[in-house]
Amino acid sequence: MHDTGPSFERFEFTTHPNASERARIGLLVLQSDQTMEQEMRQMTDGLGVSLYHARLPNDTVVTPDTLAKMEAVLPIAAALLPDYLGLHALGYGCTSGATIIGEDRVTEIIRQSHPSVPSSNPLSAAKAALKALGITRLGLLTPYTPEVTEAMQRRFEEEGIAVTVVGSFDQKSDIIVAQIDPASILSAVVSLGQSEACDGVFISCTSLRAAGIVEEAERQLGKPVTSSNHALAWHLLRLAGIDDGLDGFGQLFQT
């Protein structure tokens, strides 16, 4: 007798959107980044937000020349997030890249694939965050070499934000930057922010594990503090229509 095996039964089904989903946010994450995805999840957890990531190639050595090269691959990465996701906001995750390529150019590239989706990047998000926090005299902490740091300083000053104190870990390697421990970042922020010349501190670079130390830094300084991932998460949530306060991440998420 021939054994025909188990019968094949076809089931009917229905479809519907995720009932707990309030917003869908896309992230363009650098190939070398080890921090952004984790910190973004921490700051959107429990808010009913879905995150969708695409990676884009980058050089692990951070210089103006290597950062500029990302402009060519950014359209490819943006197109990897399909239209059917129905994104409510989209962020490019490189502060120094936005500095060198230019915020307007980054926005223009993203709009080629997502013309109706509001977008941001850590530099634009930082400017919006500094305005919300009332910071006009800025303490700037970066992991970059002076060449990249000075370019970023000029971007803030073009916006009318006076960069009054500057500090850096002076590292070219994005891999090493991702390994700088939060205690070192906190110590640097507090040292920099103690200056009476600044109203608050911005910690640049999505690779730095800084979002988790923002509240403690603010407690020690009595001044507002934000970072690349911290500001970007806040800005993308607001662009997506999520205005909830968030405990544990400092003053910005209460604005």
C-alpha atoms as a PDB file:
ATOM      1  CA  MET A   1       0.000   0.000   0.000  1.00  0.00           C
ATOM      2  CA  HIS A   2       1.372   3.405  -0.990  1.00  0.00           C
ATOM      3  CA  ASP A   3       1.957   5.767   1.972  1.00  0.00           C
ATOM      4  CA  THR A   4       0.831   9.234   0.948  1.00  0.00           C
ATOM      5  CA  GLY A   5       1.992  10.863   4.201  1.00  0.00           C
ATOM      6  CA  PRO A   6       0.055  13.379   6.266  1.00  0.00           C
ATOM      7  CA  SER A   7      -2.740  15.354   4.688  1.00  0.00           C
ATOM      8  CA  PHE A   8      -2.196  19.006   3.842  1.00  0.00           C
ATOM      9  CA  GLU A   9      -4.780  21.285   5.420  1.00  0.00           C
ATOM     10  CA  ARG A  10      -5.089  24.902   4.381  1.00  0.00           C
ATOM     11  CA  PHE A  11      -6.285  27.417   6.986  1.00  0.00           C
ATOM     12  CA  GLU A  12      -8.055  30.711   6.454  1.00  0.00           C
ATOM     13  CA  PHE A  13      -6.738  33.820   8.205  1.00  0.00           C
ATOM     14  CA  THR A  14      -7.443  37.489   8.757  1.00  0.00           C
ATOM     15  CA  THR A  15      -4.963  40.375   8.928  1.00  0.00           C
ATOM     16  CA  HIS A  16      -4.889  43.545  10.970  1.00  0.00           C
ATOM     17  CA  PRO A  17      -2.237  46.032  12.139  1.00  0.00           C
ATOM     18  CA  ASN A  18      -0.467  45.520  15.438  1.00  0.00           C
ATOM     19  CA  ALA A  19      -3.065  46.735  17.941  1.00  0.00           C
ATOM     20  CA  SER A  20      -0.411  48.027  20.354  1.00  0.00           C
ATOM     21  CA  GLU A  21       1.482  49.991  17.718  1.00  0.00           C
ATOM     22  CA  ARG A  22       1.159  53.772  17.943  1.00  0.00           C
ATOM     23  CA  ALA A  23       3.995  54.691  15.591  1.00  0.00           C
ATOM     24  CA  ARG A  24       6.572  53.148  13.283  1.00  0.00           C
ATOM     25  CA  ILE A  25      10.028  54.727  13.237  1.00  0.00           C
ATOM     26  CA  GLY A  26      12.812  53.918  10.780  1.00  0.00           C
ATOM     27  CA  LEU A  27      16.497  54.169  11.662  1.00  0.00           C
ATOM     28  CA  LEU A  28      19.472  54.306   9.297  1.00  0.00           C
ATOM     29  CA  VAL A  29      22.255  52.846  11.430  1.00  0.00           C
ATOM     30  CA  LEU A  30      25.948  52.870  10.577  1.00  0.00           C
ATOM     31  CA  GLN A  31      27.540  49.497   9.893  1.00  0.00           C
ATOM     32  CA  SER A  32      30.045  50.126  12.705  1.00  0.00           C
ATOM     33  CA  ASP A  33      27.518  51.357  15.278  1.00  0.00           C
ATOM     34  CA  GLN A  34      27.186  49.209  18.412  1.00  0.00           C
ATOM     35  CA  THR A  35      25.044  51.539  20.522  1.00  0.00           C
ATOM     36  CA  MET A  36      22.224  53.278  18.685  1.00  0.00           C
ATOM     37  CA  GLU A  37      19.763  50.401  18.369  1.00  0.00           C
ATOM     38  CA  GLN A  38      20.033  49.491  22.043  1.00  0.00           C
ATOM     39  CA  GLU A  39      19.605  53.052  23.297  1.00  0.00           C
ATOM     40  CA  MET A  40      16.699  53.749  20.943  1.00  0.00           C
ATOM     41  CA  ARG A  41      14.904  50.644  22.233  1.00  0.00           C
ATOM     42  CA  GLN A  42      15.446  51.788  25.818  1.00  0.00           C
ATOM     43  CA  MET A  43      13.894  55.183  25.097  1.00  0.00           C
ATOM     44  CA  THR A  44      10.885  53.839  23.178  1.00  0.00           C
ATOM     45  CA  ASP A  45      10.143  50.798  25.340  1.00  0.00           C
ATOM     46  CA  GLY A  46       6.532  50.710  26.512  1.00  0.00           C
ATOM     47  CA  LEU A  47       5.405  53.525  24.217  1.00  0.00           C
ATOM     48  CA  GLY A  48       3.851  51.282  21.569  1.00  0.00           C
ATOM     49  CA  VAL A  49       6.512  52.188  19.005  1.00  0.00           C
ATOM     50  CA  SER A  50       7.960  49.783  16.443  1.00  0.00           C
ATOM     51  CA  LEU A  51      11.529  50.376  15.247  1.00  0.00           C
ATOM     52  CA  TYR A  52      12.779  49.335  11.806  1.00  0.00           C
ATOM     53  CA  HIS A  53      16.519  49.429  11.073  1.00  0.00           C
ATOM     54  CA  ALA A  54      18.643  49.507   7.935  1.00  0.00           C
ATOM     55  CA  ARG A  55      22.448  49.493   8.046  1.00  0.00           C
ATOM     56  CA  LEU A  56      24.672  51.551   5.773  1.00  0.00           C
ATOM     57  CA  PRO A  57      28.374  50.985   5.041  1.00  0.00           C
ATOM     58  CA  ASN A  58      30.853  53.340   6.651  1.00  0.00           C
ATOM     59  CA  ASP A  59      34.553  53.590   7.361  1.00  0.00           C
ATOM     60  CA  THR A  60      35.392  52.903  11.002  1.00  0.00           C
ATOM     61  CA  VAL A  61      37.990  55.696  10.850  1.00  0.00           C
ATOM     62  CA  VAL A  62      36.171  59.002  11.348  1.00  0.00           C
ATOM     63  CA  THR A  63      37.553  61.886   9.283  1.00  0.00           C
ATOM     64  CA  PRO A  64      35.855  64.559   7.159  1.00  0.00           C
ATOM     65  CA  ASP A  65      36.753  62.583   4.020  1.00  0.00           C
ATOM     66  CA  THR A  66      35.365  59.240   5.227  1.00  0.00           C
ATOM     67  CA  LEU A  67      32.224  60.913   6.549  1.00  0.00           C
ATOM     68  CA  ALA A  68      31.614  62.635   3.213  1.00  0.00           C
ATOM     69  CA  LYS A  69      31.702  59.264   1.445  1.00  0.00           C
ATOM     70  CA  MET A  70      28.520  58.211   3.238  1.00  0.00           C
ATOM     71  CA  GLU A  71      26.540  60.555   1.020  1.00  0.00           C
ATOM     72  CA  ALA A  72      26.851  58.041  -1.837  1.00  0.00           C
ATOM     73  CA  VAL A  73      25.477  55.074   0.147  1.00  0.00           C
ATOM     74  CA  LEU A  74      22.798  56.906   2.111  1.00  0.00           C
ATOM     75  CA  PRO A  75      20.183  56.661  -0.702  1.00  0.00           C
ATOM     76  CA  ILE A  76      20.695  52.884  -0.876  1.00  0.00           C
ATOM     77  CA  ALA A  77      20.179  52.466   2.866  1.00  0.00           C
ATOM     78  CA  ALA A  78      17.100  54.698   2.896  1.00  0.00           C
ATOM     79  CA  ALA A  79      15.541  52.665   0.080  1.00  0.00           C
ATOM     80  CA  LEU A  80      15.954  49.454   2.111  1.00  0.00           C
ATOM     81  CA  LEU A  81      13.103  50.594   4.350  1.00  0.00           C
ATOM     82  CA  PRO A  82      10.058  49.825   2.148  1.00  0.00           C
ATOM     83  CA  ASP A  83       7.063  52.113   1.691  1.00  0.00           C
ATOM     84  CA  TYR A  84       4.627  49.490   2.960  1.00  0.00           C
ATOM     85  CA  LEU A  85       5.983  49.917   6.487  1.00  0.00           C
ATOM     86  CA  GLY A  86       4.099  53.206   6.636  1.00  0.00           C
ATOM     87  CA  LEU A  87       6.784  54.946   8.668  1.00  0.00           C
ATOM     88  CA  HIS A  88       5.784  57.927  10.804  1.00  0.00           C
ATOM     89  CA  ALA A  89       9.370  59.230  11.149  1.00  0.00           C
ATOM     90  CA  LEU A  90      12.844  58.279   9.932  1.00  0.00           C
ATOM     91  CA  GLY A  91      16.252  59.074  11.397  1.00  0.00           C
ATOM     92  CA  TYR A  92      19.781  58.982   9.983  1.00  0.00           C
ATOM     93  CA  GLY A  93      22.077  57.932  12.801  1.00  0.00           C
ATOM     94  CA  CYS A  94      25.331  59.833  12.412  1.00  0.00           C
ATOM     95  CA  THR A  95      25.963  63.228  14.003  1.00  0.00           C
ATOM     96  CA  SER A  96      29.332  63.805  12.376  1.00  0.00           C
ATOM     97  CA  GLY A  97      28.004  62.542   9.041  1.00  0.00           C
ATOM     98  CA  ALA A  98      25.179  65.079   9.128  1.00  0.00           C
ATOM     99  CA  THR A  99      27.759  67.722  10.033  1.00  0.00           C
ATOM    100  CA  ILE A 100      29.985  67.032   7.015  1.00  0.00           C
ATOM    101  CA  ILE A 101      27.328  66.047   4.443  1.00  0.00           C
ATOM    102  CA  GLY A 102      24.953  68.754   5.634  1.00  0.00           C
ATOM    103  CA  GLU A 103      21.567  68.398   7.300  1.00  0.00           C
ATOM    104  CA  ASP A 104      19.633  69.699   4.298  1.00  0.00           C
ATOM    105  CA  ARG A 105      21.388  67.267   1.976  1.00  0.00           C
ATOM    106  CA  VAL A 106      20.655  64.341   4.304  1.00  0.00           C
ATOM    107  CA  THR A 107      16.989  65.336   4.378  1.00  0.00           C
ATOM    108  CA  GLU A 108      16.922  65.668   0.586  1.00  0.00           C
ATOM    109  CA  ILE A 109      18.365  62.162   0.138  1.00  0.00           C
ATOM    110  CA  ILE A 110      15.882  60.577   2.538  1.00  0.00           C
ATOM    111  CA  ARG A 111      12.983  62.291   0.776  1.00  0.00           C
ATOM    112  CA  GLN A 112      13.970  60.627  -2.492  1.00  0.00           C
ATOM    113  CA  SER A 113      12.754  57.316  -1.044  1.00  0.00           C
ATOM    114  CA  HIS A 114      10.326  58.603   1.593  1.00  0.00           C
ATOM    115  CA  PRO A 115       8.859  61.888   0.327  1.00  0.00           C
ATOM    116  CA  SER A 116       6.042  62.080   2.879  1.00  0.00           C
ATOM    117  CA  VAL A 117       7.919  60.855   5.966  1.00  0.00           C
ATOM    118  CA  PRO A 118       9.316  63.475   8.378  1.00  0.00           C
ATOM    119  CA  SER A 119      12.989  62.835   9.043  1.00  0.00           C
ATOM    120  CA  SER A 120      15.741  63.888  11.388  1.00  0.00           C
ATOM    121  CA  ASN A 121      19.374  63.277  12.222  1.00  0.00           C
ATOM    122  CA  PRO A 122      21.266  63.750  15.493  1.00  0.00           C
ATOM    123  CA  LEU A 123      22.535  67.226  14.594  1.00  0.00           C
ATOM    124  CA  SER A 124      19.101  68.568  13.664  1.00  0.00           C
ATOM    125  CA  ALA A 125      17.621  66.787  16.678  1.00  0.00           C
ATOM    126  CA  ALA A 126      20.255  68.312  18.955  1.00  0.00           C
ATOM    127  CA  LYS A 127      19.461  71.804  17.699  1.00  0.00           C
ATOM    128  CA  ALA A 128      15.755  71.221  18.357  1.00  0.00           C
ATOM    129  CA  ALA A 129      16.535  69.784  21.792  1.00  0.00           C
ATOM    130  CA  LEU A 130      18.788  72.700  22.754  1.00  0.00           C
ATOM    131  CA  LYS A 131      16.016  75.103  21.797  1.00  0.00           C
ATOM    132  CA  ALA A 132      13.472  73.151  23.852  1.00  0.00           C
ATOM    133  CA  LEU A 133      15.854  73.148  26.827  1.00  0.00           C
ATOM    134  CA  GLY A 134      16.686  76.843  26.494  1.00  0.00           C
ATOM    135  CA  ILE A 135      20.408  76.248  25.949  1.00  0.00           C
ATOM    136  CA  THR A 136      22.111  79.102  24.101  1.00  0.00           C
ATOM    137  CA  ARG A 137      25.632  78.728  25.548  1.00  0.00           C
ATOM    138  CA  LEU A 138      26.707  75.173  24.865  1.00  0.00           C
ATOM    139  CA  GLY A 139      29.226  72.811  26.342  1.00  0.00           C
ATOM    140  CA  LEU A 140      30.127  70.386  23.537  1.00  0.00           C
ATOM    141  CA  LEU A 141      31.593  66.949  24.271  1.00  0.00           C
ATOM    142  CA  THR A 142      32.648  64.767  21.329  1.00  0.00           C
ATOM    143  CA  PRO A 143      34.761  61.666  20.765  1.00  0.00           C
ATOM    144  CA  TYR A 144      36.223  63.134  17.565  1.00  0.00           C
ATOM    145  CA  THR A 145      39.510  64.628  16.457  1.00  0.00           C
ATOM    146  CA  PRO A 146      39.742  68.456  16.506  1.00  0.00           C
ATOM    147  CA  GLU A 147      39.065  68.647  12.756  1.00  0.00           C
ATOM    148  CA  VAL A 148      35.635  66.988  13.030  1.00  0.00           C
ATOM    149  CA  THR A 149      34.805  68.653  16.350  1.00  0.00           C
ATOM    150  CA  GLU A 150      35.506  72.127  14.948  1.00  0.00           C
ATOM    151  CA  ALA A 151      33.253  71.453  11.950  1.00  0.00           C
ATOM    152  CA  MET A 152      30.430  70.547  14.329  1.00  0.00           C
ATOM    153  CA  GLN A 153      31.076  73.610  16.446  1.00  0.00           C
ATOM    154  CA  ARG A 154      30.616  75.770  13.341  1.00  0.00           C
ATOM    155  CA  ARG A 155      27.265  74.099  12.597  1.00  0.00           C
ATOM    156  CA  PHE A 156      25.943  75.025  16.034  1.00  0.00           C
ATOM    157  CA  GLU A 157      27.258  78.562  15.803  1.00  0.00           C
ATOM    158  CA  GLU A 158      25.555  78.993  12.409  1.00  0.00           C
ATOM    159  CA  GLU A 159      22.328  78.273  14.292  1.00  0.00           C
ATOM    160  CA  GLY A 160      23.063  81.039  16.799  1.00  0.00           C
ATOM    161  CA  ILE A 161      24.188  78.655  19.546  1.00  0.00           C
ATOM    162  CA  ALA A 162      27.426  79.813  21.153  1.00  0.00           C
ATOM    163  CA  VAL A 163      29.773  76.893  21.835  1.00  0.00           C
ATOM    164  CA  THR A 164      31.542  78.192  24.919  1.00  0.00           C
ATOM    165  CA  VAL A 165      33.378  75.090  26.173  1.00  0.00           C
ATOM    166  CA  VAL A 166      34.576  72.087  24.158  1.00  0.00           C
ATOM    167  CA  GLY A 167      36.002  68.719  25.172  1.00  0.00           C
ATOM    168  CA  SER A 168      36.825  65.516  23.299  1.00  0.00           C
ATOM    169  CA  PHE A 169      38.064  61.953  23.716  1.00  0.00           C
ATOM    170  CA  ASP A 170      40.072  62.602  20.501  1.00  0.00           C
ATOM    171  CA  GLN A 171      39.443  59.227  18.855  1.00  0.00           C
ATOM    172  CA  LYS A 172      39.325  58.399  15.145  1.00  0.00           C
ATOM    173  CA  SER A 173      38.132  54.799  15.578  1.00  0.00           C
ATOM    174  CA  ASP A 174      34.361  54.360  15.815  1.00  0.00           C
ATOM    175  CA  ILE A 175      34.984  50.894  17.248  1.00  0.00           C
ATOM    176  CA  ILE A 176      36.914  52.338  20.189  1.00  0.00           C
ATOM    177  CA  VAL A 177      34.355  55.113  20.655  1.00  0.00           C
ATOM    178  CA  ALA A 178      31.619  52.513  21.171  1.00  0.00           C
ATOM    179  CA  GLN A 179      33.724  50.956  23.933  1.00  0.00           C
ATOM    180  CA  ILE A 180      34.176  54.144  25.975  1.00  0.00           C
ATOM    181  CA  ASP A 181      32.439  53.333  29.247  1.00  0.00           C
ATOM    182  CA  PRO A 182      29.539  55.439  30.546  1.00  0.00           C
ATOM    183  CA  ALA A 183      31.482  56.353  33.704  1.00  0.00           C
ATOM    184  CA  SER A 184      34.142  58.062  31.574  1.00  0.00           C
ATOM    185  CA  ILE A 185      31.465  59.924  29.644  1.00  0.00           C
ATOM    186  CA  LEU A 186      29.747  61.057  32.839  1.00  0.00           C
ATOM    187  CA  SER A 187      33.030  62.279  34.297  1.00  0.00           C
ATOM    188  CA  ALA A 188      33.813  64.272  31.148  1.00  0.00           C
ATOM    189  CA  VAL A 189      30.327  65.799  30.992  1.00  0.00           C
ATOM    190  CA  VAL A 190      30.442  66.907  34.619  1.00  0.00           C
ATOM    191  CA  SER A 191      33.944  68.340  34.213  1.00  0.00           C
ATOM    192  CA  LEU A 192      32.946  70.246  31.081  1.00  0.00           C
ATOM    193  CA  GLY A 193      29.532  71.331  32.292  1.00  0.00           C
ATOM    194  CA  GLN A 194      30.792  72.831  35.546  1.00  0.00           C
ATOM    195  CA  SER A 195      31.943  75.868  33.613  1.00  0.00           C
ATOM    196  CA  GLU A 196      29.797  78.922  34.301  1.00  0.00           C
ATOM    197  CA  ALA A 197      30.214  79.774  30.626  1.00  0.00           C
ATOM    198  CA  CYS A 198      27.698  77.117  29.502  1.00  0.00           C
ATOM    199  CA  ASP A 199      23.971  76.568  30.115  1.00  0.00           C
ATOM    200  CA  GLY A 200      24.053  72.846  29.315  1.00  0.00           C
ATOM    201  CA  VAL A 201      25.937  70.057  27.549  1.00  0.00           C
ATOM    202  CA  PHE A 202      25.497  68.125  24.309  1.00  0.00           C
ATOM    203  CA  ILE A 203      27.296  64.769  23.994  1.00  0.00           C
ATOM    204  CA  SER A 204      27.868  64.038  20.319  1.00  0.00           C
ATOM    205  CA  CYS A 205      28.054  60.646  18.546  1.00  0.00           C
ATOM    206  CA  THR A 206      25.521  57.835  18.285  1.00  0.00           C
ATOM    207  CA  SER A 207      28.256  55.336  19.188  1.00  0.00           C
ATOM    208  CA  LEU A 208      28.787  56.837  22.651  1.00  0.00           C
ATOM    209  CA  ARG A 209      26.806  55.094  25.401  1.00  0.00           C
ATOM    210  CA  ALA A 210      25.548  58.382  26.788  1.00  0.00           C
ATOM    211  CA  ALA A 211      21.737  58.313  26.985  1.00  0.00           C
ATOM    212  CA  GLY A 212      21.791  56.383  30.235  1.00  0.00           C
ATOM    213  CA  ILE A 213      23.951  58.937  32.064  1.00  0.00           C
ATOM    214  CA  VAL A 214      21.970  62.041  31.071  1.00  0.00           C
ATOM    215  CA  GLU A 215      19.781  62.168  34.166  1.00  0.00           C
ATOM    216  CA  GLU A 216      22.689  61.652  36.576  1.00  0.00           C
ATOM    217  CA  ALA A 217      24.749  64.292  34.758  1.00  0.00           C
ATOM    218  CA  GLU A 218      21.880  66.744  35.088  1.00  0.00           C
ATOM    219  CA  ARG A 219      21.563  65.932  38.795  1.00  0.00           C
ATOM    220  CA  GLN A 220      25.243  66.634  39.385  1.00  0.00           C
ATOM    221  CA  LEU A 221      25.386  69.771  37.246  1.00  0.00           C
ATOM    222  CA  GLY A 222      21.990  71.317  37.811  1.00  0.00           C
ATOM    223  CA  LYS A 223      21.954  71.939  34.049  1.00  0.00           C
ATOM    224  CA  PRO A 224      20.244  70.210  31.115  1.00  0.00           C
ATOM    225  CA  VAL A 225      22.179  67.561  29.191  1.00  0.00           C
ATOM    226  CA  THR A 226      21.415  65.661  26.009  1.00  0.00           C
ATOM    227  CA  SER A 227      23.238  63.320  23.630  1.00  0.00           C
ATOM    228  CA  SER A 228      22.987  62.230  19.998  1.00  0.00           C
ATOM    229  CA  ASN A 229      20.770  59.181  20.528  1.00  0.00           C
ATOM    230  CA  HIS A 230      18.903  60.912  23.360  1.00  0.00           C
ATOM    231  CA  ALA A 231      18.014  63.953  21.255  1.00  0.00           C
ATOM    232  CA  LEU A 232      17.271  61.869  18.159  1.00  0.00           C
ATOM    233  CA  ALA A 233      14.892  59.543  20.019  1.00  0.00           C
ATOM    234  CA  TRP A 234      13.044  62.537  21.475  1.00  0.00           C
ATOM    235  CA  HIS A 235      12.848  64.325  18.124  1.00  0.00           C
ATOM    236  CA  LEU A 236      11.680  61.270  16.179  1.00  0.00           C
ATOM    237  CA  LEU A 237       9.020  60.506  18.783  1.00  0.00           C
ATOM    238  CA  ARG A 238       7.731  64.066  18.585  1.00  0.00           C
ATOM    239  CA  LEU A 239       7.762  63.975  14.771  1.00  0.00           C
ATOM    240  CA  ALA A 240       5.776  60.724  14.948  1.00  0.00           C
ATOM    241  CA  GLY A 241       3.181  62.323  17.218  1.00  0.00           C
ATOM    242  CA  ILE A 242       4.299  60.663  20.466  1.00  0.00           C
ATOM    243  CA  ASP A 243       4.451  63.366  23.146  1.00  0.00           C
ATOM    244  CA  ASP A 244       4.627  61.154  26.237  1.00  0.00           C
ATOM    245  CA  GLY A 245       6.946  62.052  29.085  1.00  0.00           C
ATOM    246  CA  LEU A 246       9.598  59.468  29.892  1.00  0.00           C
ATOM    247  CA  ASP A 247      11.065  58.943  33.343  1.00  0.00           C
ATOM    248  CA  GLY A 248      14.754  58.217  33.814  1.00  0.00           C
ATOM    249  CA  PHE A 249      16.075  60.179  30.848  1.00  0.00           C
ATOM    250  CA  GLY A 250      16.261  63.722  32.134  1.00  0.00           C
ATOM    251  CA  GLN A 251      14.637  67.050  31.375  1.00  0.00           C
ATOM    252  CA  LEU A 252      14.269  66.735  27.604  1.00  0.00           C
ATOM    253  CA  PHE A 253      11.684  63.964  27.773  1.00  0.00           C
ATOM    254  CA  GLN A 254       9.550  66.099  30.060  1.00  0.00           C
ATOM    255  CA  THR A 255       9.250  68.873  27.446  1.00  0.00           C
END
